[in-house]
Amino acid sequence: MDFKVGDSVAVIDDIIKGIVVEIHSDKIVIETSDGFSFDFLPKELVVIRENQHELSKFSDISNENLLEKINHTSTKRHAPKFKTATKKDKQPPMEVDLHIQHLTASVKGMDNYDMLNLQLNEAKHKLEFAIKNRIPKIVFIHGVGEGVLKTELEFLFKNYQVNWYEASFQKYGLGAIEVYIYQNTKA
């Protein structure tokens, strides 16, 4: 390929573009828009004949028939999308927040024992509700503290036919237990 001083060129195996500033018998010196000079073999360069601003998936298409087809298919109405029924095991788990401020308007006049009993009663009612309504998973958000509520929840879960483990750390952090309820899901 014949290069001339002033030609706009691009490097074949790199993302470097520039202008030819010197031509030698075995190398071509180009200068980038940043002012850096690089030496390349002639076989490593290609002349840029047309100014292509930004390459995108459609910018280098010059055939009008192709452009027309692309525009026509992108404006076609797509078939209506149907929602598929989610299976019970694919449903997100029921979440029960046991933070005391979510259970009562005011903790005035309540000591720690009363607050703990309120939280445990709420957990028991929600667990029985889930068993009755065949909800397979529940997440109890207990928060991070001294671990008293978590210990009491685990003691409560031993009275039911359930399996429990730490809930998703990414979603809930350290303060949540996910409960899986063993039940015959056929109605």
N, C-alpha and C. Protein backbone atom coordinates (compact mmCIF):
# COMPACT_ATOMS: atom_id res chain seq x y z
N MET A 1 0.85 -1.17 0.00
CA MET A 1 0.00 0.00 0.00
C MET A 1 0.90 1.23 0.00
N ASP A 2 0.54 2.21 -0.77
CA ASP A 2 1.33 3.43 -0.86
C ASP A 2 0.83 4.45 0.15
N PHE A 3 1.75 4.93 0.96
CA PHE A 3 1.42 5.95 1.95
C PHE A 3 2.06 7.26 1.53
N LYS A 4 1.41 8.36 1.87
CA LYS A 4 1.95 9.69 1.60
C LYS A 4 1.95 10.47 2.90
N VAL A 5 2.86 11.40 3.04
CA VAL A 5 2.88 12.27 4.21
C VAL A 5 1.56 13.03 4.23
N GLY A 6 0.91 13.02 5.40
CA GLY A 6 -0.38 13.69 5.54
C GLY A 6 -1.57 12.75 5.49
N ASP A 7 -1.34 11.48 5.09
CA ASP A 7 -2.43 10.50 5.08
C ASP A 7 -2.90 10.22 6.50
N SER A 8 -4.20 10.04 6.64
CA SER A 8 -4.76 9.61 7.92
C SER A 8 -4.72 8.09 7.93
N VAL A 9 -4.11 7.50 8.96
CA VAL A 9 -3.95 6.05 9.02
C VAL A 9 -4.40 5.51 10.38
N ALA A 10 -4.64 4.21 10.40
CA ALA A 10 -4.97 3.50 11.63
C ALA A 10 -4.11 2.25 11.69
N VAL A 11 -3.77 1.86 12.90
CA VAL A 11 -2.98 0.65 13.11
C VAL A 11 -3.94 -0.54 13.08
N ILE A 12 -3.56 -1.58 12.38
CA ILE A 12 -4.44 -2.73 12.17
C ILE A 12 -4.76 -3.45 13.48
N ASP A 13 -3.76 -3.77 14.28
CA ASP A 13 -3.99 -4.57 15.49
C ASP A 13 -3.98 -3.73 16.76
N ASP A 14 -4.32 -2.46 16.66
CA ASP A 14 -4.33 -1.60 17.83
C ASP A 14 -5.38 -0.51 17.62
N ILE A 15 -5.60 0.31 18.62
CA ILE A 15 -6.60 1.37 18.51
C ILE A 15 -5.94 2.73 18.29
N ILE A 16 -4.79 2.72 17.68
CA ILE A 16 -4.03 3.95 17.43
C ILE A 16 -4.37 4.48 16.04
N LYS A 17 -4.67 5.79 15.96
CA LYS A 17 -4.89 6.48 14.69
C LYS A 17 -3.97 7.67 14.65
N GLY A 18 -3.60 8.09 13.46
CA GLY A 18 -2.74 9.26 13.36
C GLY A 18 -2.53 9.70 11.93
N ILE A 19 -1.60 10.64 11.78
CA ILE A 19 -1.24 11.21 10.48
C ILE A 19 0.19 10.80 10.16
N VAL A 20 0.43 10.40 8.92
CA VAL A 20 1.78 10.03 8.48
C VAL A 20 2.63 11.31 8.45
N VAL A 21 3.77 11.29 9.19
CA VAL A 21 4.67 12.45 9.21
C VAL A 21 5.99 12.16 8.51
N GLU A 22 6.43 10.90 8.50
CA GLU A 22 7.68 10.54 7.83
C GLU A 22 7.52 9.16 7.18
N ILE A 23 8.16 9.00 6.03
CA ILE A 23 8.15 7.70 5.36
C ILE A 23 9.60 7.30 5.12
N HIS A 24 10.00 6.15 5.64
CA HIS A 24 11.32 5.59 5.44
C HIS A 24 11.17 4.29 4.66
N SER A 25 12.26 3.70 4.26
CA SER A 25 12.19 2.48 3.45
C SER A 25 11.60 1.31 4.22
N ASP A 26 11.88 1.23 5.53
CA ASP A 26 11.41 0.08 6.31
C ASP A 26 10.38 0.44 7.37
N LYS A 27 10.09 1.72 7.56
CA LYS A 27 9.12 2.11 8.60
C LYS A 27 8.40 3.39 8.20
N ILE A 28 7.25 3.56 8.84
CA ILE A 28 6.45 4.77 8.66
C ILE A 28 6.22 5.37 10.03
N VAL A 29 6.47 6.66 10.17
CA VAL A 29 6.28 7.36 11.44
C VAL A 29 4.94 8.08 11.37
N ILE A 30 4.10 7.82 12.39
CA ILE A 30 2.82 8.52 12.47
C ILE A 30 2.77 9.33 13.74
N GLU A 31 1.95 10.37 13.73
CA GLU A 31 1.76 11.20 14.91
C GLU A 31 0.27 11.17 15.26
N THR A 32 -0.02 10.85 16.53
CA THR A 32 -1.41 10.76 16.97
C THR A 32 -1.95 12.16 17.26
N SER A 33 -3.23 12.24 17.51
CA SER A 33 -3.85 13.53 17.83
C SER A 33 -3.35 14.06 19.17
N ASP A 34 -2.77 13.19 20.00
CA ASP A 34 -2.20 13.62 21.27
C ASP A 34 -0.77 14.12 21.13
N GLY A 35 -0.19 14.00 19.93
CA GLY A 35 1.16 14.49 19.69
C GLY A 35 2.24 13.45 19.86
N PHE A 36 1.88 12.20 20.07
CA PHE A 36 2.88 11.14 20.22
C PHE A 36 3.26 10.59 18.85
N SER A 37 4.54 10.26 18.69
CA SER A 37 5.02 9.67 17.43
C SER A 37 5.30 8.19 17.63
N PHE A 38 4.90 7.38 16.63
CA PHE A 38 5.10 5.95 16.68
C PHE A 38 5.66 5.48 15.35
N ASP A 39 6.51 4.45 15.40
CA ASP A 39 7.07 3.83 14.20
C ASP A 39 6.34 2.51 13.94
N PHE A 40 5.92 2.30 12.69
CA PHE A 40 5.24 1.06 12.32
C PHE A 40 5.76 0.58 10.98
N LEU A 41 5.64 -0.72 10.76
CA LEU A 41 5.90 -1.29 9.44
C LEU A 41 4.72 -0.95 8.53
N PRO A 42 4.95 -0.81 7.24
CA PRO A 42 3.84 -0.49 6.34
C PRO A 42 2.70 -1.51 6.38
N LYS A 43 3.03 -2.79 6.63
CA LYS A 43 1.98 -3.81 6.66
C LYS A 43 1.10 -3.71 7.91
N GLU A 44 1.52 -2.91 8.92
CA GLU A 44 0.75 -2.76 10.15
C GLU A 44 -0.25 -1.60 10.08
N LEU A 45 -0.23 -0.84 8.97
CA LEU A 45 -1.07 0.35 8.86
C LEU A 45 -2.07 0.21 7.73
N VAL A 46 -3.15 0.95 7.84
CA VAL A 46 -4.14 1.04 6.79
C VAL A 46 -4.57 2.51 6.67
N VAL A 47 -4.76 2.96 5.43
CA VAL A 47 -5.16 4.34 5.19
C VAL A 47 -6.65 4.49 5.44
N ILE A 48 -7.02 5.55 6.15
CA ILE A 48 -8.43 5.85 6.38
C ILE A 48 -8.84 6.84 5.29
N ARG A 49 -9.64 6.38 4.35
CA ARG A 49 -10.02 7.23 3.21
C ARG A 49 -11.23 8.10 3.53
N GLU A 50 -12.19 7.57 4.26
CA GLU A 50 -13.38 8.33 4.60
C GLU A 50 -13.35 8.65 6.08
N ASN A 51 -13.90 9.78 6.43
CA ASN A 51 -13.93 10.19 7.84
C ASN A 51 -15.12 9.50 8.51
N GLN A 52 -14.83 8.59 9.41
CA GLN A 52 -15.88 7.91 10.16
C GLN A 52 -15.83 8.42 11.58
N HIS A 53 -16.87 9.14 11.98
CA HIS A 53 -16.85 9.79 13.29
C HIS A 53 -16.77 8.76 14.41
N GLU A 54 -17.83 8.08 14.67
CA GLU A 54 -17.80 7.05 15.71
C GLU A 54 -18.36 5.78 15.11
N LEU A 55 -17.65 4.72 15.28
CA LEU A 55 -18.15 3.45 14.76
C LEU A 55 -19.18 2.90 15.72
N SER A 56 -20.34 2.66 15.18
CA SER A 56 -21.35 1.95 15.94
C SER A 56 -21.79 0.79 15.07
N LYS A 57 -22.75 0.07 15.50
CA LYS A 57 -23.11 -1.11 14.72
C LYS A 57 -23.77 -0.76 13.39
N PHE A 58 -24.22 0.50 13.20
CA PHE A 58 -24.85 0.88 11.95
C PHE A 58 -24.10 1.98 11.20
N SER A 59 -23.12 2.62 11.78
CA SER A 59 -22.51 3.79 11.15
C SER A 59 -21.71 3.46 9.90
N ASP A 60 -21.18 2.25 9.79
CA ASP A 60 -20.36 1.93 8.64
C ASP A 60 -21.17 1.29 7.51
N ILE A 61 -22.49 1.24 7.65
CA ILE A 61 -23.33 0.67 6.60
C ILE A 61 -23.69 1.79 5.63
N SER A 62 -23.26 1.65 4.38
CA SER A 62 -23.54 2.69 3.39
C SER A 62 -24.57 2.25 2.36
N ASN A 63 -24.86 0.98 2.28
CA ASN A 63 -25.83 0.48 1.32
C ASN A 63 -27.22 0.92 1.76
N GLU A 64 -27.92 1.65 0.88
CA GLU A 64 -29.22 2.19 1.25
C GLU A 64 -30.26 1.10 1.47
N ASN A 65 -30.19 -0.01 0.74
CA ASN A 65 -31.14 -1.10 0.92
C ASN A 65 -31.00 -1.71 2.32
N LEU A 66 -29.75 -1.87 2.77
CA LEU A 66 -29.53 -2.41 4.11
C LEU A 66 -30.04 -1.45 5.17
N LEU A 67 -29.75 -0.17 5.00
CA LEU A 67 -30.22 0.83 5.97
C LEU A 67 -31.75 0.84 6.03
N GLU A 68 -32.39 0.71 4.87
CA GLU A 68 -33.85 0.71 4.83
C GLU A 68 -34.40 -0.51 5.55
N LYS A 69 -33.79 -1.69 5.35
CA LYS A 69 -34.24 -2.90 6.03
C LYS A 69 -34.06 -2.79 7.54
N ILE A 70 -32.93 -2.23 7.95
CA ILE A 70 -32.68 -2.08 9.39
C ILE A 70 -33.72 -1.17 10.01
N ASN A 71 -33.99 -0.05 9.38
CA ASN A 71 -34.98 0.88 9.91
C ASN A 71 -36.38 0.28 9.88
N HIS A 72 -36.69 -0.50 8.85
CA HIS A 72 -38.01 -1.12 8.73
C HIS A 72 -38.23 -2.16 9.82
N THR A 73 -37.23 -3.00 10.08
CA THR A 73 -37.39 -4.04 11.09
C THR A 73 -37.41 -3.46 12.49
N SER A 74 -36.72 -2.34 12.71
CA SER A 74 -36.71 -1.78 14.05
C SER A 74 -38.02 -1.07 14.37
N THR A 75 -38.78 -0.66 13.32
CA THR A 75 -40.05 0.02 13.57
C THR A 75 -41.23 -0.93 13.55
N LYS A 76 -41.01 -2.21 13.19
CA LYS A 76 -42.10 -3.18 13.19
C LYS A 76 -42.63 -3.37 14.59
N ARG A 77 -43.93 -3.62 14.65
CA ARG A 77 -44.51 -3.93 15.95
C ARG A 77 -44.12 -5.35 16.35
N HIS A 78 -43.73 -5.49 17.56
CA HIS A 78 -43.36 -6.81 18.05
C HIS A 78 -44.61 -7.52 18.55
N ALA A 79 -44.58 -8.82 18.53
CA ALA A 79 -45.69 -9.62 19.02
C ALA A 79 -45.90 -9.34 20.50
N PRO A 80 -47.15 -9.37 20.95
CA PRO A 80 -47.40 -9.09 22.36
C PRO A 80 -46.71 -10.12 23.25
N LYS A 81 -46.19 -9.64 24.33
CA LYS A 81 -45.50 -10.53 25.26
C LYS A 81 -46.49 -10.99 26.33
N PHE A 82 -46.43 -12.27 26.61
CA PHE A 82 -47.31 -12.83 27.60
C PHE A 82 -46.54 -13.09 28.88
N LYS A 83 -47.20 -12.82 29.98
CA LYS A 83 -46.58 -13.14 31.26
C LYS A 83 -46.80 -14.61 31.54
N THR A 84 -45.77 -15.24 32.01
CA THR A 84 -45.90 -16.65 32.37
C THR A 84 -46.19 -16.73 33.86
N ALA A 85 -46.97 -17.69 34.21
CA ALA A 85 -47.28 -17.88 35.62
C ALA A 85 -46.03 -18.36 36.33
N THR A 86 -45.73 -17.72 37.45
CA THR A 86 -44.54 -18.12 38.20
C THR A 86 -44.90 -19.29 39.10
N LYS A 87 -43.98 -20.21 39.20
CA LYS A 87 -44.18 -21.34 40.09
C LYS A 87 -43.98 -20.88 41.52
N LYS A 88 -44.53 -21.63 42.44
CA LYS A 88 -44.44 -21.22 43.83
C LYS A 88 -43.00 -21.17 44.33
N ASP A 89 -42.13 -22.07 43.83
CA ASP A 89 -40.75 -22.04 44.33
C ASP A 89 -39.96 -20.90 43.68
N LYS A 90 -40.48 -20.31 42.62
CA LYS A 90 -39.79 -19.21 41.98
C LYS A 90 -40.27 -17.85 42.51
N GLN A 91 -41.32 -17.84 43.30
CA GLN A 91 -41.82 -16.59 43.86
C GLN A 91 -40.84 -16.09 44.91
N PRO A 92 -40.73 -14.78 45.03
CA PRO A 92 -39.86 -14.26 46.09
C PRO A 92 -40.47 -14.61 47.45
N PRO A 93 -39.62 -14.78 48.45
CA PRO A 93 -40.14 -15.16 49.76
C PRO A 93 -40.91 -14.02 50.41
N MET A 94 -41.84 -14.40 51.28
CA MET A 94 -42.57 -13.42 52.07
C MET A 94 -41.59 -12.80 53.08
N GLU A 95 -41.61 -11.49 53.21
CA GLU A 95 -40.69 -10.82 54.12
C GLU A 95 -41.45 -10.29 55.33
N VAL A 96 -40.92 -10.58 56.51
CA VAL A 96 -41.50 -10.10 57.75
C VAL A 96 -40.43 -9.32 58.50
N ASP A 97 -40.65 -8.02 58.64
CA ASP A 97 -39.70 -7.17 59.35
C ASP A 97 -40.08 -7.14 60.82
N LEU A 98 -39.20 -7.63 61.66
CA LEU A 98 -39.48 -7.73 63.09
C LEU A 98 -38.87 -6.58 63.89
N HIS A 99 -38.39 -5.55 63.23
CA HIS A 99 -37.91 -4.39 63.97
C HIS A 99 -39.09 -3.80 64.74
N ILE A 100 -38.86 -3.45 65.97
CA ILE A 100 -39.95 -3.05 66.87
C ILE A 100 -40.68 -1.82 66.36
N GLN A 101 -39.97 -0.89 65.70
CA GLN A 101 -40.61 0.33 65.21
C GLN A 101 -41.60 0.03 64.07
N HIS A 102 -41.51 -1.15 63.44
CA HIS A 102 -42.45 -1.54 62.40
C HIS A 102 -43.67 -2.27 62.98
N LEU A 103 -43.58 -2.69 64.22
CA LEU A 103 -44.66 -3.47 64.81
C LEU A 103 -45.59 -2.64 65.69
N THR A 104 -45.10 -1.57 66.24
CA THR A 104 -45.91 -0.75 67.13
C THR A 104 -45.60 0.72 66.90
N ALA A 105 -46.58 1.55 67.19
CA ALA A 105 -46.40 2.99 66.98
C ALA A 105 -45.45 3.58 68.02
N SER A 106 -45.52 3.07 69.23
CA SER A 106 -44.68 3.62 70.29
C SER A 106 -44.24 2.50 71.23
N VAL A 107 -43.02 2.59 71.70
CA VAL A 107 -42.51 1.61 72.66
C VAL A 107 -42.56 2.17 74.07
N LYS A 108 -43.25 3.26 74.22
CA LYS A 108 -43.36 3.90 75.53
C LYS A 108 -44.06 2.96 76.51
N GLY A 109 -43.47 2.75 77.63
CA GLY A 109 -44.04 1.89 78.65
C GLY A 109 -43.72 0.41 78.45
N MET A 110 -42.98 0.06 77.41
CA MET A 110 -42.63 -1.34 77.16
C MET A 110 -41.19 -1.58 77.58
N ASP A 111 -40.95 -2.68 78.27
CA ASP A 111 -39.57 -3.03 78.57
C ASP A 111 -39.08 -4.02 77.51
N ASN A 112 -37.84 -4.45 77.62
CA ASN A 112 -37.26 -5.34 76.62
C ASN A 112 -38.02 -6.66 76.48
N TYR A 113 -38.52 -7.17 77.60
CA TYR A 113 -39.27 -8.43 77.59
C TYR A 113 -40.56 -8.28 76.78
N ASP A 114 -41.28 -7.16 76.98
CA ASP A 114 -42.51 -6.92 76.24
C ASP A 114 -42.24 -6.78 74.74
N MET A 115 -41.16 -6.08 74.40
CA MET A 115 -40.81 -5.90 72.98
C MET A 115 -40.46 -7.25 72.34
N LEU A 116 -39.70 -8.07 73.05
CA LEU A 116 -39.33 -9.38 72.53
C LEU A 116 -40.55 -10.26 72.33
N ASN A 117 -41.48 -10.24 73.30
CA ASN A 117 -42.71 -11.04 73.16
C ASN A 117 -43.56 -10.57 71.99
N LEU A 118 -43.63 -9.25 71.77
CA LEU A 118 -44.37 -8.72 70.63
C LEU A 118 -43.75 -9.20 69.31
N GLN A 119 -42.44 -9.17 69.24
CA GLN A 119 -41.74 -9.63 68.03
C GLN A 119 -41.95 -11.13 67.81
N LEU A 120 -41.86 -11.92 68.87
CA LEU A 120 -42.04 -13.37 68.74
C LEU A 120 -43.48 -13.73 68.37
N ASN A 121 -44.46 -13.02 68.95
CA ASN A 121 -45.86 -13.27 68.59
C ASN A 121 -46.10 -12.95 67.11
N GLU A 122 -45.53 -11.85 66.64
CA GLU A 122 -45.66 -11.49 65.23
C GLU A 122 -45.04 -12.57 64.35
N ALA A 123 -43.85 -13.05 64.73
CA ALA A 123 -43.18 -14.09 63.95
C ALA A 123 -44.01 -15.38 63.94
N LYS A 124 -44.58 -15.74 65.09
CA LYS A 124 -45.39 -16.96 65.18
C LYS A 124 -46.63 -16.85 64.31
N HIS A 125 -47.31 -15.70 64.36
CA HIS A 125 -48.52 -15.51 63.54
C HIS A 125 -48.20 -15.55 62.05
N LYS A 126 -47.10 -14.92 61.65
CA LYS A 126 -46.73 -14.91 60.23
C LYS A 126 -46.32 -16.31 59.75
N LEU A 127 -45.63 -17.06 60.61
CA LEU A 127 -45.23 -18.42 60.26
C LEU A 127 -46.46 -19.31 60.10
N GLU A 128 -47.42 -19.20 61.01
CA GLU A 128 -48.64 -20.00 60.91
C GLU A 128 -49.48 -19.57 59.70
N PHE A 129 -49.48 -18.27 59.40
CA PHE A 129 -50.17 -17.77 58.21
C PHE A 129 -49.56 -18.38 56.95
N ALA A 130 -48.22 -18.45 56.90
CA ALA A 130 -47.54 -19.00 55.73
C ALA A 130 -47.81 -20.50 55.59
N ILE A 131 -47.84 -21.21 56.70
CA ILE A 131 -48.14 -22.64 56.66
C ILE A 131 -49.57 -22.87 56.17
N LYS A 132 -50.49 -22.07 56.69
CA LYS A 132 -51.90 -22.20 56.32
C LYS A 132 -52.12 -21.88 54.84
N ASN A 133 -51.42 -20.89 54.32
CA ASN A 133 -51.60 -20.45 52.93
C ASN A 133 -50.58 -21.04 51.97
N ARG A 134 -49.84 -22.03 52.43
CA ARG A 134 -48.87 -22.76 51.60
C ARG A 134 -47.83 -21.86 50.95
N ILE A 135 -47.33 -20.93 51.72
CA ILE A 135 -46.23 -20.07 51.26
C ILE A 135 -44.94 -20.79 51.63
N PRO A 136 -44.10 -21.16 50.65
CA PRO A 136 -42.96 -22.03 50.94
C PRO A 136 -41.78 -21.36 51.65
N LYS A 137 -41.61 -20.05 51.46
CA LYS A 137 -40.45 -19.39 52.06
C LYS A 137 -40.86 -18.08 52.73
N ILE A 138 -40.23 -17.82 53.87
CA ILE A 138 -40.42 -16.55 54.58
C ILE A 138 -39.05 -16.06 55.01
N VAL A 139 -38.86 -14.76 54.94
CA VAL A 139 -37.63 -14.16 55.47
C VAL A 139 -38.03 -13.31 56.67
N PHE A 140 -37.47 -13.64 57.81
CA PHE A 140 -37.68 -12.85 59.02
C PHE A 140 -36.49 -11.93 59.18
N ILE A 141 -36.75 -10.63 59.12
CA ILE A 141 -35.68 -9.64 59.27
C ILE A 141 -35.66 -9.24 60.74
N HIS A 142 -34.61 -9.68 61.44
CA HIS A 142 -34.53 -9.43 62.87
C HIS A 142 -33.52 -8.35 63.22
N GLY A 143 -32.63 -8.04 62.31
CA GLY A 143 -31.62 -7.02 62.58
C GLY A 143 -30.43 -7.60 63.30
N VAL A 144 -29.41 -6.77 63.44
CA VAL A 144 -28.19 -7.18 64.12
C VAL A 144 -28.19 -6.53 65.49
N GLY A 145 -28.04 -7.32 66.49
CA GLY A 145 -28.00 -6.82 67.86
C GLY A 145 -27.23 -7.79 68.72
N GLU A 146 -27.78 -8.05 69.89
CA GLU A 146 -27.12 -8.99 70.79
C GLU A 146 -27.45 -10.44 70.45
N GLY A 147 -28.39 -10.67 69.55
CA GLY A 147 -28.71 -12.02 69.13
C GLY A 147 -29.81 -12.69 69.93
N VAL A 148 -30.47 -11.94 70.81
CA VAL A 148 -31.53 -12.54 71.63
C VAL A 148 -32.72 -12.93 70.77
N LEU A 149 -33.17 -12.01 69.90
CA LEU A 149 -34.31 -12.30 69.03
C LEU A 149 -33.99 -13.45 68.08
N LYS A 150 -32.80 -13.47 67.52
CA LYS A 150 -32.42 -14.54 66.61
C LYS A 150 -32.46 -15.89 67.32
N THR A 151 -31.94 -15.94 68.53
CA THR A 151 -31.94 -17.19 69.30
C THR A 151 -33.36 -17.64 69.61
N GLU A 152 -34.21 -16.70 69.98
CA GLU A 152 -35.61 -17.03 70.28
C GLU A 152 -36.35 -17.48 69.02
N LEU A 153 -36.04 -16.87 67.88
CA LEU A 153 -36.67 -17.30 66.63
C LEU A 153 -36.27 -18.73 66.29
N GLU A 154 -35.00 -19.06 66.46
CA GLU A 154 -34.54 -20.42 66.18
C GLU A 154 -35.22 -21.42 67.12
N PHE A 155 -35.43 -21.03 68.38
CA PHE A 155 -36.14 -21.89 69.32
C PHE A 155 -37.59 -22.07 68.87
N LEU A 156 -38.22 -21.00 68.37
CA LEU A 156 -39.59 -21.08 67.86
C LEU A 156 -39.68 -22.00 66.65
N PHE A 157 -38.71 -21.91 65.75
CA PHE A 157 -38.74 -22.71 64.52
C PHE A 157 -38.60 -24.21 64.80
N LYS A 158 -38.00 -24.56 65.93
CA LYS A 158 -37.84 -25.98 66.28
C LYS A 158 -39.19 -26.64 66.54
N ASN A 159 -40.22 -25.85 66.85
CA ASN A 159 -41.55 -26.39 67.12
C ASN A 159 -42.35 -26.66 65.85
N TYR A 160 -41.83 -26.27 64.71
CA TYR A 160 -42.53 -26.43 63.43
C TYR A 160 -41.68 -27.28 62.50
N GLN A 161 -42.32 -27.81 61.47
CA GLN A 161 -41.60 -28.62 60.49
C GLN A 161 -41.04 -27.68 59.42
N VAL A 162 -39.96 -26.99 59.79
CA VAL A 162 -39.34 -26.01 58.90
C VAL A 162 -37.83 -26.17 58.94
N ASN A 163 -37.20 -25.63 57.94
CA ASN A 163 -35.74 -25.56 57.90
C ASN A 163 -35.39 -24.09 57.78
N TRP A 164 -34.37 -23.63 58.48
CA TRP A 164 -34.01 -22.21 58.44
C TRP A 164 -32.52 -22.06 58.27
N TYR A 165 -32.16 -20.96 57.69
CA TYR A 165 -30.75 -20.65 57.45
C TYR A 165 -30.63 -19.15 57.26
N GLU A 166 -29.39 -18.66 57.24
CA GLU A 166 -29.16 -17.23 57.05
C GLU A 166 -29.68 -16.81 55.68
N ALA A 167 -30.39 -15.69 55.64
CA ALA A 167 -30.91 -15.19 54.36
C ALA A 167 -29.78 -14.54 53.57
N SER A 168 -30.07 -14.15 52.36
CA SER A 168 -29.08 -13.57 51.45
C SER A 168 -28.37 -12.38 52.09
N PHE A 169 -27.06 -12.50 52.19
CA PHE A 169 -26.27 -11.42 52.77
C PHE A 169 -26.33 -10.18 51.90
N GLN A 170 -26.34 -10.38 50.57
CA GLN A 170 -26.36 -9.24 49.65
C GLN A 170 -27.63 -8.43 49.80
N LYS A 171 -28.74 -9.09 50.06
CA LYS A 171 -30.02 -8.38 50.13
C LYS A 171 -30.35 -7.91 51.54
N TYR A 172 -30.07 -8.72 52.56
CA TYR A 172 -30.51 -8.41 53.91
C TYR A 172 -29.38 -8.11 54.90
N GLY A 173 -28.16 -8.39 54.53
CA GLY A 173 -27.07 -8.22 55.48
C GLY A 173 -27.04 -9.39 56.45
N LEU A 174 -26.55 -9.14 57.65
CA LEU A 174 -26.43 -10.21 58.64
C LEU A 174 -27.69 -10.44 59.46
N GLY A 175 -28.68 -9.57 59.34
CA GLY A 175 -29.81 -9.63 60.26
C GLY A 175 -31.07 -10.25 59.72
N ALA A 176 -30.99 -11.40 59.06
CA ALA A 176 -32.21 -12.03 58.55
C ALA A 176 -32.06 -13.55 58.50
N ILE A 177 -33.18 -14.23 58.70
CA ILE A 177 -33.24 -15.68 58.63
C ILE A 177 -34.28 -16.05 57.58
N GLU A 178 -33.92 -16.96 56.67
CA GLU A 178 -34.87 -17.46 55.69
C GLU A 178 -35.38 -18.81 56.16
N VAL A 179 -36.69 -18.96 56.15
CA VAL A 179 -37.33 -20.19 56.62
C VAL A 179 -37.98 -20.88 55.44
N TYR A 180 -37.67 -22.16 55.28
CA TYR A 180 -38.30 -22.99 54.25
C TYR A 180 -39.29 -23.91 54.94
N ILE A 181 -40.54 -23.88 54.50
CA ILE A 181 -41.60 -24.66 55.13
C ILE A 181 -41.80 -25.95 54.33
N TYR A 182 -41.58 -27.08 54.99
CA TYR A 182 -41.82 -28.38 54.36
C TYR A 182 -43.32 -28.65 54.39
N GLN A 183 -43.89 -28.76 53.20
CA GLN A 183 -45.31 -29.07 53.14
C GLN A 183 -45.62 -29.68 51.79
N ASN A 184 -46.71 -30.37 51.73
CA ASN A 184 -47.16 -30.94 50.47
C ASN A 184 -47.82 -29.80 49.70
N THR A 185 -47.19 -29.36 48.60
CA THR A 185 -47.69 -28.19 47.88
C THR A 185 -48.89 -28.50 46.99
N LYS A 186 -49.24 -29.77 46.81
CA LYS A 186 -50.43 -30.10 46.03
C LYS A 186 -51.66 -29.82 46.87
N ALA A 187 -52.58 -29.10 46.29
CA ALA A 187 -53.77 -28.69 47.05
C ALA A 187 -54.80 -29.78 47.14
